[in-house]
């Protein structure tokens, strides 16, 4: 099972934003042709539920992509006021 933790700030922010989060890979491309998969967290539910497992962590529904590694992953929130966003610390993947 993928190890996931939510900071208190992320849990409180997500609770006020509908109580759901998606944790998945996002491919990032480098300037010289390289690429890396980095974990990202997005508030809300996935557009398509297939390929995700769902579980509840401290009152937040977390949708985890099936191809995500074992982790651990730590979801936090940063920014001020309406410019807040989720950030993920954890292992990087290969694509």
PDB file of N, CA and C in Angstrom:
ATOM      1  N   UNK A   1       0.838  -1.184   0.000  1.00  0.00           N
ATOM      2  CA  UNK A   1       0.000   0.000   0.000  1.00  0.00           C
ATOM      3  C   UNK A   1       0.880   1.243   0.000  1.00  0.00           C
ATOM      4  N   UNK A   2       0.453   2.245  -0.712  1.00  0.00           N
ATOM      5  CA  UNK A   2       1.183   3.500  -0.810  1.00  0.00           C
ATOM      6  C   UNK A   2       1.083   4.265   0.502  1.00  0.00           C
ATOM      7  N   UNK A   3       2.238   4.669   1.051  1.00  0.00           N
ATOM      8  CA  UNK A   3       2.269   5.412   2.307  1.00  0.00           C
ATOM      9  C   UNK A   3       2.047   6.898   2.032  1.00  0.00           C
ATOM     10  N   UNK A   4       0.966   7.450   2.592  1.00  0.00           N
ATOM     11  CA  UNK A   4       0.603   8.845   2.362  1.00  0.00           C
ATOM     12  C   UNK A   4       0.282   9.502   3.690  1.00  0.00           C
ATOM     13  N   UNK A   5       0.809  10.709   3.897  1.00  0.00           N
ATOM     14  CA  UNK A   5       0.446  11.503   5.064  1.00  0.00           C
ATOM     15  C   UNK A   5       0.000  12.881   4.592  1.00  0.00           C
ATOM     16  N   UNK A   6      -0.886  13.479   5.361  1.00  0.00           N
ATOM     17  CA  UNK A   6      -1.359  14.839   5.118  1.00  0.00           C
ATOM     18  C   UNK A   6      -0.923  15.705   6.286  1.00  0.00           C
ATOM     19  N   UNK A   7      -0.399  16.879   5.993  1.00  0.00           N
ATOM     20  CA  UNK A   7      -0.090  17.801   7.081  1.00  0.00           C
ATOM     21  C   UNK A   7      -1.411  18.348   7.619  1.00  0.00           C
ATOM     22  N   UNK A   8      -1.367  18.911   8.812  1.00  0.00           N
ATOM     23  CA  UNK A   8      -2.573  19.507   9.390  1.00  0.00           C
ATOM     24  C   UNK A   8      -3.113  20.615   8.488  1.00  0.00           C
ATOM     25  N   UNK A   9      -2.204  21.432   7.947  1.00  0.00           N
ATOM     26  CA  UNK A   9      -2.619  22.540   7.080  1.00  0.00           C
ATOM     27  C   UNK A   9      -3.296  22.019   5.810  1.00  0.00           C
ATOM     28  N   UNK A  10      -2.758  20.978   5.211  1.00  0.00           N
ATOM     29  CA  UNK A  10      -3.354  20.408   3.998  1.00  0.00           C
ATOM     30  C   UNK A  10      -4.714  19.797   4.302  1.00  0.00           C
ATOM     31  N   UNK A  11      -4.817  19.085   5.401  1.00  0.00           N
ATOM     32  CA  UNK A  11      -6.083  18.459   5.774  1.00  0.00           C
ATOM     33  C   UNK A  11      -7.158  19.519   6.008  1.00  0.00           C
ATOM     34  N   UNK A  12      -6.831  20.584   6.715  1.00  0.00           N
ATOM     35  CA  UNK A  12      -7.797  21.644   6.982  1.00  0.00           C
ATOM     36  C   UNK A  12      -8.207  22.347   5.691  1.00  0.00           C
ATOM     37  N   UNK A  13      -7.244  22.630   4.812  1.00  0.00           N
ATOM     38  CA  UNK A  13      -7.542  23.310   3.555  1.00  0.00           C
ATOM     39  C   UNK A  13      -8.416  22.430   2.663  1.00  0.00           C
ATOM     40  N   UNK A  14      -8.059  21.153   2.551  1.00  0.00           N
ATOM     41  CA  UNK A  14      -8.841  20.234   1.724  1.00  0.00           C
ATOM     42  C   UNK A  14     -10.252  20.047   2.268  1.00  0.00           C
ATOM     43  N   UNK A  15     -10.416  20.033   3.576  1.00  0.00           N
ATOM     44  CA  UNK A  15     -11.748  19.900   4.170  1.00  0.00           C
ATOM     45  C   UNK A  15     -12.649  21.057   3.735  1.00  0.00           C
ATOM     46  N   UNK A  16     -12.081  22.237   3.590  1.00  0.00           N
ATOM     47  CA  UNK A  16     -12.837  23.391   3.137  1.00  0.00           C
ATOM     48  C   UNK A  16     -13.005  23.463   1.628  1.00  0.00           C
ATOM     49  N   UNK A  17     -12.352  22.557   0.897  1.00  0.00           N
ATOM     50  CA  UNK A  17     -12.400  22.536  -0.565  1.00  0.00           C
ATOM     51  C   UNK A  17     -13.119  21.299  -1.096  1.00  0.00           C
ATOM     52  N   UNK A  18     -13.918  20.659  -0.281  1.00  0.00           N
ATOM     53  CA  UNK A  18     -14.681  19.498  -0.720  1.00  0.00           C
ATOM     54  C   UNK A  18     -14.212  18.179  -0.141  1.00  0.00           C
ATOM     55  N   UNK A  19     -13.052  18.153   0.504  1.00  0.00           N
ATOM     56  CA  UNK A  19     -12.609  16.944   1.198  1.00  0.00           C
ATOM     57  C   UNK A  19     -12.064  15.827   0.337  1.00  0.00           C
ATOM     58  N   UNK A  20     -11.674  16.130  -0.915  1.00  0.00           N
ATOM     59  CA  UNK A  20     -11.118  15.099  -1.798  1.00  0.00           C
ATOM     60  C   UNK A  20      -9.837  15.597  -2.446  1.00  0.00           C
ATOM     61  N   UNK A  21      -8.933  14.656  -2.706  1.00  0.00           N
ATOM     62  CA  UNK A  21      -7.673  14.982  -3.366  1.00  0.00           C
ATOM     63  C   UNK A  21      -7.248  13.812  -4.251  1.00  0.00           C
ATOM     64  N   UNK A  22      -6.608  14.140  -5.371  1.00  0.00           N
ATOM     65  CA  UNK A  22      -6.056  13.145  -6.295  1.00  0.00           C
ATOM     66  C   UNK A  22      -4.541  13.189  -6.167  1.00  0.00           C
ATOM     67  N   UNK A  23      -3.919  12.026  -6.032  1.00  0.00           N
ATOM     68  CA  UNK A  23      -2.465  11.912  -5.992  1.00  0.00           C
ATOM     69  C   UNK A  23      -2.051  11.069  -7.181  1.00  0.00           C
ATOM     70  N   UNK A  24      -1.261  11.657  -8.089  1.00  0.00           N
ATOM     71  CA  UNK A  24      -0.901  10.989  -9.341  1.00  0.00           C
ATOM     72  C   UNK A  24       0.466  11.463  -9.816  1.00  0.00           C
ATOM     73  N   UNK A  25       0.958  10.814 -10.877  1.00  0.00           N
ATOM     74  CA  UNK A  25       2.190  11.237 -11.532  1.00  0.00           C
ATOM     75  C   UNK A  25       1.888  12.344 -12.529  1.00  0.00           C
ATOM     76  N   UNK A  26       2.858  13.217 -12.736  1.00  0.00           N
ATOM     77  CA  UNK A  26       2.799  14.216 -13.795  1.00  0.00           C
ATOM     78  C   UNK A  26       4.175  14.233 -14.454  1.00  0.00           C
ATOM     79  N   UNK A  27       4.195  14.062 -15.764  1.00  0.00           N
ATOM     80  CA  UNK A  27       5.465  14.054 -16.485  1.00  0.00           C
ATOM     81  C   UNK A  27       5.919  15.482 -16.715  1.00  0.00           C
ATOM     82  N   UNK A  28       7.156  15.769 -16.352  1.00  0.00           N
ATOM     83  CA  UNK A  28       7.764  17.087 -16.553  1.00  0.00           C
ATOM     84  C   UNK A  28       8.916  16.918 -17.530  1.00  0.00           C
ATOM     85  N   UNK A  29       9.000  17.817 -18.480  1.00  0.00           N
ATOM     86  CA  UNK A  29      10.021  17.742 -19.514  1.00  0.00           C
ATOM     87  C   UNK A  29      11.122  18.765 -19.249  1.00  0.00           C
ATOM     88  N   UNK A  30      12.360  18.337 -19.450  1.00  0.00           N
ATOM     89  CA  UNK A  30      13.497  19.216 -19.263  1.00  0.00           C
ATOM     90  C   UNK A  30      13.830  19.982 -20.525  1.00  0.00           C
ATOM     91  N   UNK A  31      14.746  20.905 -20.417  1.00  0.00           N
ATOM     92  CA  UNK A  31      15.098  21.753 -21.552  1.00  0.00           C
ATOM     93  C   UNK A  31      15.925  21.005 -22.596  1.00  0.00           C
ATOM     94  N   UNK A  32      16.559  19.929 -22.224  1.00  0.00           N
ATOM     95  CA  UNK A  32      17.449  19.217 -23.144  1.00  0.00           C
ATOM     96  C   UNK A  32      16.892  17.863 -23.566  1.00  0.00           C
ATOM     97  N   UNK A  33      15.597  17.684 -23.464  1.00  0.00           N
ATOM     98  CA  UNK A  33      14.974  16.456 -23.928  1.00  0.00           C
ATOM     99  C   UNK A  33      14.712  15.426 -22.864  1.00  0.00           C
ATOM    100  N   UNK A  34      15.147  15.639 -21.643  1.00  0.00           N
ATOM    101  CA  UNK A  34      14.886  14.678 -20.581  1.00  0.00           C
ATOM    102  C   UNK A  34      13.493  14.849 -20.015  1.00  0.00           C
ATOM    103  N   UNK A  35      13.054  13.868 -19.270  1.00  0.00           N
ATOM    104  CA  UNK A  35      11.763  13.963 -18.601  1.00  0.00           C
ATOM    105  C   UNK A  35      11.787  13.177 -17.310  1.00  0.00           C
ATOM    106  N   UNK A  36      10.920  13.552 -16.409  1.00  0.00           N
ATOM    107  CA  UNK A  36      10.797  12.857 -15.127  1.00  0.00           C
ATOM    108  C   UNK A  36       9.346  12.892 -14.697  1.00  0.00           C
ATOM    109  N   UNK A  37       8.918  11.870 -14.012  1.00  0.00           N
ATOM    110  CA  UNK A  37       7.576  11.829 -13.446  1.00  0.00           C
ATOM    111  C   UNK A  37       7.676  12.295 -12.003  1.00  0.00           C
ATOM    112  N   UNK A  38       6.898  13.306 -11.657  1.00  0.00           N
ATOM    113  CA  UNK A  38       6.886  13.824 -10.296  1.00  0.00           C
ATOM    114  C   UNK A  38       5.482  13.651  -9.721  1.00  0.00           C
ATOM    115  N   UNK A  39       5.383  13.381  -8.429  1.00  0.00           N
ATOM    116  CA  UNK A  39       4.052  13.235  -7.833  1.00  0.00           C
ATOM    117  C   UNK A  39       3.396  14.599  -7.667  1.00  0.00           C
ATOM    118  N   UNK A  40       2.101  14.678  -7.978  1.00  0.00           N
ATOM    119  CA  UNK A  40       1.332  15.908  -7.798  1.00  0.00           C
ATOM    120  C   UNK A  40       0.027  15.579  -7.082  1.00  0.00           C
ATOM    121  N   UNK A  41      -0.473  16.538  -6.344  1.00  0.00           N
ATOM    122  CA  UNK A  41      -1.761  16.416  -5.667  1.00  0.00           C
ATOM    123  C   UNK A  41      -2.664  17.521  -6.187  1.00  0.00           C
ATOM    124  N   UNK A  42      -3.894  17.155  -6.518  1.00  0.00           N
ATOM    125  CA  UNK A  42      -4.875  18.117  -7.015  1.00  0.00           C
ATOM    126  C   UNK A  42      -6.154  17.946  -6.224  1.00  0.00           C
ATOM    127  N   UNK A  43      -6.748  19.056  -5.813  1.00  0.00           N
ATOM    128  CA  UNK A  43      -7.999  18.947  -5.048  1.00  0.00           C
ATOM    129  C   UNK A  43      -9.110  18.437  -5.946  1.00  0.00           C
ATOM    130  N   UNK A  44     -10.036  17.710  -5.344  1.00  0.00           N
ATOM    131  CA  UNK A  44     -11.161  17.157  -6.081  1.00  0.00           C
ATOM    132  C   UNK A  44     -10.978  15.688  -6.385  1.00  0.00           C
ATOM    133  N   UNK A  45     -11.914  15.168  -7.180  1.00  0.00           N
ATOM    134  CA  UNK A  45     -11.909  13.755  -7.586  1.00  0.00           C
ATOM    135  C   UNK A  45     -11.338  13.647  -9.000  1.00  0.00           C
ATOM    136  N   UNK A  46     -10.841  12.468  -9.380  1.00  0.00           N
ATOM    137  CA  UNK A  46     -10.336  12.304 -10.751  1.00  0.00           C
ATOM    138  C   UNK A  46     -11.488  12.367 -11.759  1.00  0.00           C
ATOM    139  N   UNK A  47     -11.189  12.769 -12.977  1.00  0.00           N
ATOM    140  CA  UNK A  47     -12.214  12.833 -14.026  1.00  0.00           C
ATOM    141  C   UNK A  47     -12.780  11.445 -14.316  1.00  0.00           C
ATOM    142  N   UNK A  48     -11.887  10.461 -14.327  1.00  0.00           N
ATOM    143  CA  UNK A  48     -12.297   9.063 -14.525  1.00  0.00           C
ATOM    144  C   UNK A  48     -11.776   8.258 -13.345  1.00  0.00           C
ATOM    145  N   UNK A  49     -12.642   7.501 -12.726  1.00  0.00           N
ATOM    146  CA  UNK A  49     -12.275   6.762 -11.516  1.00  0.00           C
ATOM    147  C   UNK A  49     -11.439   5.522 -11.787  1.00  0.00           C
ATOM    148  N   UNK A  50     -11.480   4.982 -13.018  1.00  0.00           N
ATOM    149  CA  UNK A  50     -10.703   3.770 -13.287  1.00  0.00           C
ATOM    150  C   UNK A  50      -9.215   4.101 -13.244  1.00  0.00           C
ATOM    151  N   UNK A  51      -8.447   3.200 -12.661  1.00  0.00           N
ATOM    152  CA  UNK A  51      -7.013   3.410 -12.498  1.00  0.00           C
ATOM    153  C   UNK A  51      -6.646   4.043 -11.167  1.00  0.00           C
ATOM    154  N   UNK A  52      -7.640   4.329 -10.349  1.00  0.00           N
ATOM    155  CA  UNK A  52      -7.401   4.931  -9.033  1.00  0.00           C
ATOM    156  C   UNK A  52      -7.989   4.047  -7.942  1.00  0.00           C
ATOM    157  N   UNK A  53      -7.321   4.041  -6.797  1.00  0.00           N
ATOM    158  CA  UNK A  53      -7.901   3.429  -5.613  1.00  0.00           C
ATOM    159  C   UNK A  53      -8.270   4.570  -4.671  1.00  0.00           C
ATOM    160  N   UNK A  54      -9.300   4.345  -3.908  1.00  0.00           N
ATOM    161  CA  UNK A  54      -9.785   5.394  -3.020  1.00  0.00           C
ATOM    162  C   UNK A  54      -9.660   4.939  -1.579  1.00  0.00           C
ATOM    163  N   UNK A  55      -9.198   5.852  -0.743  1.00  0.00           N
ATOM    164  CA  UNK A  55      -9.176   5.570   0.685  1.00  0.00           C
ATOM    165  C   UNK A  55      -9.327   6.869   1.460  1.00  0.00           C
ATOM    166  N   UNK A  56      -9.652   6.737   2.714  1.00  0.00           N
ATOM    167  CA  UNK A  56      -9.850   7.908   3.551  1.00  0.00           C
ATOM    168  C   UNK A  56      -8.689   8.042   4.519  1.00  0.00           C
ATOM    169  N   UNK A  57      -8.140   9.239   4.582  1.00  0.00           N
ATOM    170  CA  UNK A  57      -7.049   9.535   5.511  1.00  0.00           C
ATOM    171  C   UNK A  57      -7.475  10.746   6.329  1.00  0.00           C
ATOM    172  N   UNK A  58      -7.708  10.541   7.594  1.00  0.00           N
ATOM    173  CA  UNK A  58      -8.068  11.615   8.528  1.00  0.00           C
ATOM    174  C   UNK A  58      -9.223  12.468   8.002  1.00  0.00           C
ATOM    175  N   UNK A  59     -10.260  11.835   7.474  1.00  0.00           N
ATOM    176  CA  UNK A  59     -11.438  12.541   7.012  1.00  0.00           C
ATOM    177  C   UNK A  59     -11.363  13.078   5.596  1.00  0.00           C
ATOM    178  N   UNK A  60     -10.257  12.878   4.908  1.00  0.00           N
ATOM    179  CA  UNK A  60     -10.087  13.336   3.528  1.00  0.00           C
ATOM    180  C   UNK A  60     -10.105  12.116   2.614  1.00  0.00           C
ATOM    181  N   UNK A  61     -10.902  12.159   1.554  1.00  0.00           N
ATOM    182  CA  UNK A  61     -10.940  11.082   0.570  1.00  0.00           C
ATOM    183  C   UNK A  61      -9.784  11.275  -0.404  1.00  0.00           C
ATOM    184  N   UNK A  62      -8.880  10.300  -0.439  1.00  0.00           N
ATOM    185  CA  UNK A  62      -7.674  10.372  -1.271  1.00  0.00           C
ATOM    186  C   UNK A  62      -7.798   9.365  -2.407  1.00  0.00           C
ATOM    187  N   UNK A  63      -7.685   9.851  -3.648  1.00  0.00           N
ATOM    188  CA  UNK A  63      -7.728   9.011  -4.838  1.00  0.00           C
ATOM    189  C   UNK A  63      -6.279   8.835  -5.297  1.00  0.00           C
ATOM    190  N   UNK A  64      -5.782   7.613  -5.233  1.00  0.00           N
ATOM    191  CA  UNK A  64      -4.377   7.327  -5.517  1.00  0.00           C
ATOM    192  C   UNK A  64      -4.268   6.611  -6.861  1.00  0.00           C
ATOM    193  N   UNK A  65      -3.442   7.154  -7.761  1.00  0.00           N
ATOM    194  CA  UNK A  65      -3.228   6.530  -9.066  1.00  0.00           C
ATOM    195  C   UNK A  65      -2.599   5.158  -8.872  1.00  0.00           C
ATOM    196  N   UNK A  66      -3.061   4.197  -9.665  1.00  0.00           N
ATOM    197  CA  UNK A  66      -2.593   2.825  -9.535  1.00  0.00           C
ATOM    198  C   UNK A  66      -1.117   2.639  -9.840  1.00  0.00           C
ATOM    199  N   UNK A  67      -0.539   3.526 -10.659  1.00  0.00           N
ATOM    200  CA  UNK A  67       0.872   3.380 -11.030  1.00  0.00           C
ATOM    201  C   UNK A  67       1.815   4.152 -10.108  1.00  0.00           C
ATOM    202  N   UNK A  68       1.285   4.730  -9.044  1.00  0.00           N
ATOM    203  CA  UNK A  68       2.114   5.459  -8.087  1.00  0.00           C
ATOM    204  C   UNK A  68       2.910   4.460  -7.260  1.00  0.00           C
ATOM    205  N   UNK A  69       4.143   4.769  -6.999  1.00  0.00           N
ATOM    206  CA  UNK A  69       5.006   3.877  -6.225  1.00  0.00           C
ATOM    207  C   UNK A  69       4.602   3.814  -4.759  1.00  0.00           C
ATOM    208  N   UNK A  70       5.343   3.028  -3.969  1.00  0.00           N
ATOM    209  CA  UNK A  70       4.974   2.813  -2.569  1.00  0.00           C
ATOM    210  C   UNK A  70       5.188   4.030  -1.663  1.00  0.00           C
ATOM    211  N   UNK A  71       5.926   5.013  -2.143  1.00  0.00           N
ATOM    212  CA  UNK A  71       6.131   6.218  -1.339  1.00  0.00           C
ATOM    213  C   UNK A  71       7.284   6.085  -0.367  1.00  0.00           C
ATOM    214  N   UNK A  72       7.252   6.825   0.686  1.00  0.00           N
ATOM    215  CA  UNK A  72       6.151   7.594   1.246  1.00  0.00           C
ATOM    216  C   UNK A  72       5.965   8.944   0.541  1.00  0.00           C
ATOM    217  N   UNK A  73       4.731   9.464   0.634  1.00  0.00           N
ATOM    218  CA  UNK A  73       4.379  10.766   0.089  1.00  0.00           C
ATOM    219  C   UNK A  73       3.786  11.616   1.203  1.00  0.00           C
ATOM    220  N   UNK A  74       4.127  12.886   1.184  1.00  0.00           N
ATOM    221  CA  UNK A  74       3.613  13.833   2.182  1.00  0.00           C
ATOM    222  C   UNK A  74       2.958  14.978   1.425  1.00  0.00           C
ATOM    223  N   UNK A  75       1.666  15.191   1.660  1.00  0.00           N
ATOM    224  CA  UNK A  75       0.920  16.251   0.994  1.00  0.00           C
ATOM    225  C   UNK A  75       0.811  17.434   1.948  1.00  0.00           C
ATOM    226  N   UNK A  76       1.192  18.603   1.446  1.00  0.00           N
ATOM    227  CA  UNK A  76       1.157  19.834   2.233  1.00  0.00           C
ATOM    228  C   UNK A  76       0.507  20.918   1.385  1.00  0.00           C
ATOM    229  N   UNK A  77       0.282  22.057   1.970  1.00  0.00           N
ATOM    230  CA  UNK A  77      -0.273  23.204   1.248  1.00  0.00           C
ATOM    231  C   UNK A  77       0.654  24.391   1.486  1.00  0.00           C
ATOM    232  N   UNK A  78       0.824  25.218   0.453  1.00  0.00           N
ATOM    233  CA  UNK A  78       1.657  26.406   0.592  1.00  0.00           C
ATOM    234  C   UNK A  78       0.980  27.572  -0.104  1.00  0.00           C
ATOM    235  N   UNK A  79       1.424  28.762   0.195  1.00  0.00           N
ATOM    236  CA  UNK A  79       0.859  29.961  -0.404  1.00  0.00           C
ATOM    237  C   UNK A  79      -0.015  30.703   0.591  1.00  0.00           C
ATOM    238  N   UNK A  80      -0.573  31.814   0.117  1.00  0.00           N
ATOM    239  CA  UNK A  80      -1.400  32.663   0.966  1.00  0.00           C
ATOM    240  C   UNK A  80      -2.771  32.881   0.356  1.00  0.00           C
ATOM    241  N   UNK A  81      -3.743  32.985   1.212  1.00  0.00           N
ATOM    242  CA  UNK A  81      -5.113  33.335   0.842  1.00  0.00           C
ATOM    243  C   UNK A  81      -5.626  32.462  -0.300  1.00  0.00           C
ATOM    244  N   UNK A  82      -6.094  33.058  -1.384  1.00  0.00           N
ATOM    245  CA  UNK A  82      -6.656  32.271  -2.488  1.00  0.00           C
ATOM    246  C   UNK A  82      -5.592  31.677  -3.401  1.00  0.00           C
ATOM    247  N   UNK A  83      -4.337  32.000  -3.187  1.00  0.00           N
ATOM    248  CA  UNK A  83      -3.250  31.476  -4.026  1.00  0.00           C
ATOM    249  C   UNK A  83      -2.604  30.241  -3.411  1.00  0.00           C
ATOM    250  N   UNK A  84      -3.315  29.539  -2.580  1.00  0.00           N
ATOM    251  CA  UNK A  84      -2.779  28.332  -1.953  1.00  0.00           C
ATOM    252  C   UNK A  84      -2.810  27.188  -2.946  1.00  0.00           C
ATOM    253  N   UNK A  85      -1.837  26.277  -2.821  1.00  0.00           N
ATOM    254  CA  UNK A  85      -1.786  25.112  -3.692  1.00  0.00           C
ATOM    255  C   UNK A  85      -1.184  23.951  -2.921  1.00  0.00           C
ATOM    256  N   UNK A  86      -1.482  22.764  -3.396  1.00  0.00           N
ATOM    257  CA  UNK A  86      -0.960  21.555  -2.763  1.00  0.00           C
ATOM    258  C   UNK A  86       0.430  21.248  -3.303  1.00  0.00           C
ATOM    259  N   UNK A  87       1.281  20.745  -2.447  1.00  0.00           N
ATOM    260  CA  UNK A  87       2.615  20.296  -2.834  1.00  0.00           C
ATOM    261  C   UNK A  87       2.824  18.893  -2.277  1.00  0.00           C
ATOM    262  N   UNK A  88       3.639  18.120  -2.976  1.00  0.00           N
ATOM    263  CA  UNK A  88       3.900  16.738  -2.569  1.00  0.00           C
ATOM    264  C   UNK A  88       5.403  16.534  -2.420  1.00  0.00           C
ATOM    265  N   UNK A  89       5.790  15.947  -1.311  1.00  0.00           N
ATOM    266  CA  UNK A  89       7.155  15.491  -1.125  1.00  0.00           C
ATOM    267  C   UNK A  89       7.126  13.980  -1.184  1.00  0.00           C
ATOM    268  N   UNK A  90       8.063  13.401  -1.915  1.00  0.00           N
ATOM    269  CA  UNK A  90       8.089  11.947  -1.999  1.00  0.00           C
ATOM    270  C   UNK A  90       8.944  11.480  -3.139  1.00  0.00           C
ATOM    271  N   UNK A  91       8.897  10.178  -3.370  1.00  0.00           N
ATOM    272  CA  UNK A  91       9.733   9.593  -4.405  1.00  0.00           C
ATOM    273  C   UNK A  91       9.341  10.074  -5.781  1.00  0.00           C
ATOM    274  N   UNK A  92      10.320  10.123  -6.651  1.00  0.00           N
ATOM    275  CA  UNK A  92      10.094  10.477  -8.047  1.00  0.00           C
ATOM    276  C   UNK A  92       9.983   9.173  -8.837  1.00  0.00           C
ATOM    277  N   UNK A  93       9.308   9.227  -9.955  1.00  0.00           N
ATOM    278  CA  UNK A  93       9.124   8.039 -10.788  1.00  0.00           C
ATOM    279  C   UNK A  93       9.873   8.141 -12.088  1.00  0.00           C
ATOM    280  N   UNK A  94       9.867   7.060 -12.809  1.00  0.00           N
ATOM    281  CA  UNK A  94      10.480   7.037 -14.145  1.00  0.00           C
ATOM    282  C   UNK A  94       9.420   6.725 -15.151  1.00  0.00           C
ATOM    283  N   UNK A  95       9.476   7.376 -16.269  1.00  0.00           N
ATOM    284  CA  UNK A  95       8.506   7.131 -17.340  1.00  0.00           C
ATOM    285  C   UNK A  95       9.250   6.745 -18.593  1.00  0.00           C
TER     286      UNK A  95
END
